Protein backbone atom coordinates (compact mmCIF):
# COMPACT_ATOMS: atom_id res chain seq x y z
CA MET A 1 57.89 120.31 32.72
CA PHE A 2 57.48 123.98 33.61
CA ALA A 3 60.37 126.05 34.98
CA LEU A 4 60.18 129.18 37.10
CA LYS A 5 61.39 132.44 35.59
CA HIS A 6 64.69 133.97 36.62
CA PRO A 7 63.99 137.00 38.88
CA VAL A 8 65.77 139.34 36.45
CA ALA A 9 63.26 138.45 33.74
CA ASP A 10 60.58 140.49 35.50
CA SER A 11 62.70 143.64 35.22
CA ILE A 12 62.15 143.86 31.45
CA PRO A 13 58.90 145.70 30.61
CA ARG A 14 56.51 143.71 28.42
CA PRO A 15 56.18 146.56 25.88
CA THR A 16 59.96 146.51 25.46
CA LEU A 17 59.98 142.78 24.78
CA THR A 18 57.15 143.18 22.27
CA ARG A 19 58.90 146.06 20.50
CA LEU A 20 62.16 144.15 20.17
CA ALA A 21 60.42 140.99 18.96
CA ARG A 22 58.58 142.96 16.27
CA GLU A 23 61.78 144.68 15.14
CA TRP A 24 63.68 141.40 14.85
CA LEU A 25 60.84 139.71 12.98
CA ALA A 26 60.49 142.65 10.60
CA GLU A 27 64.22 142.59 9.91
CA ASP A 28 64.16 138.88 9.10
CA THR A 29 60.94 138.90 7.04
CA PRO A 30 60.32 142.39 5.65
CA ASN A 31 58.11 141.17 2.79
CA PHE A 32 57.15 137.67 1.62
CA ASP A 33 58.08 134.32 3.14
CA PRO A 34 58.01 131.99 0.12
CA ALA A 35 59.14 128.99 2.18
CA GLY A 36 56.07 129.36 4.36
CA VAL A 37 53.90 128.23 1.45
CA CYS A 38 55.14 124.66 1.65
CA VAL A 39 54.51 124.12 5.37
CA GLY A 40 51.04 125.59 5.84
CA SER A 41 49.26 126.48 9.06
CA ALA A 42 48.84 123.09 10.70
CA VAL A 43 49.85 123.15 14.38
CA VAL A 44 53.21 121.48 14.98
CA GLU A 45 55.50 120.87 17.92
CA ALA A 46 59.20 121.77 17.86
CA ARG A 47 61.82 120.83 20.40
CA LEU A 48 64.49 123.29 21.47
CA LEU A 49 67.78 121.44 21.85
CA CYS A 50 70.93 122.72 23.54
CA LYS A 51 73.98 121.15 21.95
CA THR A 52 76.70 122.84 24.01
CA PRO A 53 77.19 121.01 27.33
CA HIS A 54 77.43 123.10 30.51
CA THR A 55 75.70 126.08 28.95
CA VAL A 56 74.15 128.61 31.35
CA LEU A 57 70.74 129.35 29.86
CA ALA A 58 69.85 133.02 29.29
CA GLY A 59 67.47 134.90 27.02
CA SER A 60 64.22 133.03 27.56
CA PRO A 61 62.08 136.23 27.84
CA PHE A 62 63.27 137.36 24.40
CA PHE A 63 62.85 133.88 22.89
CA THR A 64 59.32 133.64 24.28
CA ALA A 65 58.45 137.19 23.16
CA VAL A 66 59.35 136.36 19.56
CA PHE A 67 57.14 133.28 19.51
CA THR A 68 54.31 135.03 21.32
CA GLU A 69 54.34 137.66 18.60
CA VAL A 70 53.79 134.99 15.90
CA GLY A 71 51.06 133.17 17.85
CA CYS A 72 53.09 130.29 19.30
CA THR A 73 53.57 129.04 22.86
CA VAL A 74 56.76 128.02 24.66
CA ASP A 75 57.02 125.61 27.58
CA TRP A 76 60.40 125.79 29.31
CA ILE A 77 62.04 122.79 30.91
CA TYR A 78 64.98 124.85 32.20
CA GLN A 79 65.01 128.41 33.51
CA ASP A 80 67.47 131.22 32.90
CA GLY A 81 70.48 130.74 35.15
CA ASP A 82 70.32 126.94 35.00
CA GLU A 83 73.36 125.06 33.71
CA ILE A 84 72.29 122.70 30.95
CA GLY A 85 74.04 119.39 30.51
CA PRO A 86 76.40 117.59 30.85
CA GLU A 87 74.71 115.65 28.05
CA GLY A 88 75.77 116.47 24.50
CA VAL A 89 72.16 117.29 23.52
CA THR A 90 69.60 118.45 26.06
CA LEU A 91 65.89 119.13 25.55
CA THR A 92 65.43 122.67 26.83
CA ALA A 93 61.92 123.78 25.79
CA VAL A 94 58.97 122.86 23.58
CA VAL A 95 57.42 125.31 21.09
CA ARG A 96 53.94 124.81 19.62
CA GLY A 97 52.05 126.71 16.94
CA PRO A 98 51.16 126.94 13.24
CA ALA A 99 54.08 125.62 11.21
CA ARG A 100 54.61 128.70 9.02
CA ASP A 101 54.45 131.03 12.04
CA LEU A 102 56.74 128.88 14.15
CA LEU A 103 59.34 128.91 11.38
CA LEU A 104 59.02 132.69 11.06
CA GLY A 105 60.16 133.05 14.66
CA GLU A 106 62.79 130.34 14.63
CA ARG A 107 65.93 132.25 13.63
CA PRO A 108 65.37 135.53 15.53
CA ALA A 109 64.54 133.57 18.69
CA LEU A 110 67.52 131.25 18.36
CA ASN A 111 69.86 134.16 17.71
CA CYS A 112 68.83 135.78 21.00
CA LEU A 113 69.15 132.59 22.98
CA ALA A 114 72.52 131.57 21.52
CA ARG A 115 74.10 134.97 22.11
CA ALA A 116 72.64 135.53 25.56
CA SER A 117 73.49 132.03 26.78
CA GLY A 118 77.06 132.33 25.53
CA ILE A 119 77.52 135.56 27.47
CA ALA A 120 75.86 134.19 30.60
CA THR A 121 78.08 131.10 30.47
CA ARG A 122 81.25 133.18 30.25
CA CYS A 123 80.03 135.46 33.06
CA SER A 124 79.24 132.49 35.27
CA ARG A 125 82.74 131.09 34.78
CA LEU A 126 84.36 134.45 35.58
CA GLN A 127 82.22 134.85 38.69
CA ALA A 128 83.17 131.35 39.82
CA MET A 129 86.85 132.27 39.52
CA ALA A 130 86.31 135.39 41.63
CA LYS A 131 84.46 133.38 44.27
CA ALA A 132 87.14 130.69 44.34
CA SER A 133 89.75 133.40 45.00
CA HIS A 134 87.59 134.90 47.80
CA TRP A 135 87.69 138.26 46.05
CA HIS A 136 85.30 140.86 47.47
CA GLY A 137 84.73 142.93 44.32
CA GLU A 138 82.52 142.82 41.23
CA VAL A 139 83.24 141.42 37.79
CA ALA A 140 81.60 143.75 35.26
CA GLY A 141 80.79 144.08 31.59
CA THR A 142 81.33 147.16 29.45
CA ARG A 143 79.55 149.24 26.79
CA LYS A 144 81.26 147.16 24.10
CA THR A 145 77.94 145.68 23.05
CA THR A 146 76.27 144.90 19.73
CA PRO A 147 74.27 147.89 18.41
CA GLY A 148 70.56 147.21 18.83
CA PHE A 149 71.22 144.16 21.02
CA ARG A 150 72.48 145.78 24.22
CA LEU A 151 69.48 144.93 26.38
CA VAL A 152 69.86 141.23 25.58
CA GLU A 153 73.57 141.29 26.34
CA LYS A 154 73.23 143.27 29.56
CA TYR A 155 70.44 140.93 30.67
CA ALA A 156 72.73 137.97 30.01
CA MET A 157 75.40 139.51 32.24
CA LEU A 158 72.94 139.67 35.13
CA VAL A 159 71.85 136.07 34.59
CA GLY A 160 75.51 135.04 34.56
CA GLY A 161 76.04 136.74 37.91
CA VAL A 162 78.17 139.76 37.00
CA SER A 163 77.55 143.51 37.03
CA MET A 164 76.24 145.21 33.89
CA HIS A 165 78.42 148.27 34.57
CA ARG A 166 76.65 151.35 33.15
CA GLN A 167 73.85 150.57 30.74
CA ASP A 168 74.39 153.65 28.56
CA LEU A 169 75.91 157.13 28.58
CA SER A 170 73.12 158.39 30.84
CA GLY A 171 73.66 155.74 33.51
CA MET A 172 76.92 157.06 34.94
CA VAL A 173 79.52 159.64 33.97
CA MET A 174 82.69 158.02 32.66
CA LEU A 175 85.41 160.43 31.63
CA LYS A 176 87.85 158.69 29.33
CA ASP A 177 91.14 159.97 27.95
CA ASN A 178 89.40 161.71 25.03
CA HIS A 179 87.14 163.62 27.42
CA VAL A 180 90.14 164.72 29.48
CA TRP A 181 92.18 165.80 26.46
CA ALA A 182 89.23 167.71 25.00
CA SER A 183 88.52 169.40 28.35
CA GLY A 184 92.10 170.35 29.15
CA SER A 185 92.61 168.40 32.37
CA ILE A 186 91.12 165.77 34.61
CA THR A 187 90.07 168.42 37.14
CA GLU A 188 88.29 170.52 34.53
CA ALA A 189 86.52 167.46 33.10
CA VAL A 190 85.30 166.27 36.51
CA THR A 191 84.15 169.75 37.53
CA ALA A 192 82.19 170.26 34.30
CA ALA A 193 80.57 166.82 34.44
CA ARG A 194 79.62 167.19 38.10
CA SER A 195 77.89 170.49 37.37
CA VAL A 196 75.48 168.63 35.10
CA CYS A 197 74.93 165.26 36.76
CA GLY A 198 74.65 166.55 40.33
CA PHE A 199 74.29 164.13 43.22
CA SER A 200 72.34 161.45 41.35
CA SER A 201 75.19 160.01 39.25
CA LYS A 202 78.65 158.76 40.08
CA VAL A 203 81.63 160.12 38.19
CA GLU A 204 84.34 157.74 37.00
CA VAL A 205 87.64 158.75 35.43
CA GLU A 206 89.92 156.63 33.28
CA CYS A 207 93.49 156.98 34.54
CA CYS A 208 96.79 155.54 33.36
CA SER A 209 98.87 156.30 36.48
CA VAL A 210 98.57 156.77 40.21
CA GLU A 211 99.21 160.51 39.70
CA GLU A 212 96.19 160.82 37.41
CA GLY A 213 94.17 158.81 39.90
CA ARG A 214 95.04 161.21 42.70
CA GLU A 215 94.03 164.20 40.60
CA ALA A 216 90.71 162.56 39.73
CA ALA A 217 89.95 161.68 43.35
CA ALA A 218 90.92 165.15 44.58
CA ALA A 219 88.62 166.69 41.96
CA GLY A 220 85.68 164.68 43.29
CA ALA A 221 85.59 161.49 41.22
CA ASP A 222 83.80 158.58 42.86
CA ILE A 223 85.58 155.89 40.85
CA VAL A 224 89.01 155.69 39.30
CA MET A 225 89.50 153.20 36.48
CA LEU A 226 93.12 152.14 36.24
CA ASP A 227 93.43 151.29 32.57
CA ASN A 228 95.92 148.94 30.92
CA LEU A 229 98.19 148.60 33.93
CA GLN A 230 100.10 145.38 34.47
CA PRO A 231 98.91 143.46 37.56
CA GLN A 232 101.87 144.35 39.78
CA GLU A 233 101.68 148.04 38.80
CA LEU A 234 97.90 147.99 39.23
CA HIS A 235 98.04 146.62 42.77
CA ALA A 236 100.62 149.20 43.85
CA ALA A 237 98.60 152.06 42.37
CA ALA A 238 95.34 150.81 43.89
CA ARG A 239 96.95 150.43 47.31
CA SER A 240 98.36 153.96 47.15
CA LEU A 241 95.06 155.52 46.09
CA LYS A 242 93.09 153.69 48.77
CA SER A 243 95.53 154.86 51.45
CA HIS A 244 94.83 158.50 50.57
CA PHE A 245 91.16 158.14 49.53
CA PRO A 246 89.62 155.22 51.48
CA SER A 247 86.12 155.67 50.04
CA LEU A 248 87.34 155.78 46.43
CA LEU A 249 86.27 152.85 44.26
CA ILE A 250 89.00 151.34 42.11
CA GLU A 251 88.21 149.65 38.81
CA ALA A 252 90.73 147.66 36.79
CA SER A 253 90.30 147.36 33.05
CA GLY A 254 92.25 146.77 29.86
CA GLY A 255 93.92 143.54 28.84
CA VAL A 256 91.90 141.41 31.27
CA GLY A 257 90.45 138.10 30.11
CA PRO A 258 89.43 134.66 31.41
CA ASP A 259 93.05 133.46 31.26
CA ASN A 260 94.54 136.18 33.45
CA ILE A 261 91.72 137.69 35.52
CA ALA A 262 92.97 135.98 38.68
CA LEU A 263 96.12 138.13 38.51
CA TYR A 264 93.97 141.24 38.98
CA PHE A 265 92.14 140.15 42.14
CA SER A 266 93.15 142.35 45.06
CA SER A 267 91.71 143.68 48.29
CA HIS A 268 92.31 147.19 46.89
CA VAL A 269 90.45 146.58 43.61
CA ASP A 270 86.65 146.87 43.74
CA VAL A 271 85.66 146.25 40.10
CA ILE A 272 87.24 144.41 37.17
CA SER A 273 85.61 145.13 33.80
CA LEU A 274 86.13 142.98 30.72
CA GLY A 275 85.20 143.75 27.12
CA CYS A 276 85.58 140.06 26.26
CA ILE A 277 82.29 139.37 28.04
CA THR A 278 80.58 140.58 24.87
CA GLN A 279 83.36 140.90 22.28
CA GLY A 280 84.57 137.56 20.95
CA CYS A 281 82.43 135.58 23.35
CA PRO A 282 81.49 132.10 22.05
CA VAL A 283 77.78 131.53 21.48
CA ALA A 284 75.89 128.48 22.72
CA ASP A 285 74.63 126.04 20.10
CA PHE A 286 70.83 125.70 20.06
CA SER A 287 68.57 124.22 17.41
CA LEU A 288 64.81 123.96 16.98
CA LYS A 289 63.52 120.70 15.47
CA VAL A 290 59.94 120.30 14.27
CA GLN A 291 58.67 116.84 15.17
CA LYS A 292 57.46 114.61 12.36
CA PRO A 293 53.78 113.60 12.53
């Protein structure tokens, strides 16, 4: 009946989970809950059902934190990282607590689980494609996340088996085209950024050609992101850059999705980042059903 936690779950501080749960609950019920009057405080049991076969479960720490905050308990049958199904409807967890409190937590908790599990499922599929192609590199997410929901989405990436990429602007220096244009040149942008971040952060530069990549590497960039290059052009540019700068990491990004990612796998490409991991990603269908007496 009880499932072990995914190892990544222990990386989220308890105070952070509590803070997020309180914010989500306050957003959903800022004042009165008139519907709570009709259900009362009798203890009930509700079953969490997954209705999307082959879903990779993710988000259980956030789901549990919401219900803990309203005085309910959650017993998990599956753990984050498990694939649920293939049945059309699968019992995933059982929630118990006072009826009005359980229903207060229902929607915020389900929203977290549906979104996180959808992302983890897509990530798992992408990672499986990389493994099947015997590619050595890392599939990665991006900063194209939902405001206020980034921790959930980045957590889901980890559960799905891909890299989070940088968590925020402080995590790594990424110099995009706007930074370069505002600075004057790639070399000036890299030099200025390096003077601030020092040895503790890597510097990545978005480049649209092999010439820009060479300038970035010569200026001291650790990573060159080849952006919006067609696969054949990408592989040629990556091969050329690696021949001159063997320790340089090459990231491919722009226009990559589940349907064409295999075209970007190469021994010269170390990272492939995809905005579609979070943008336009289908959610998993979960529902919570209170059991009749």
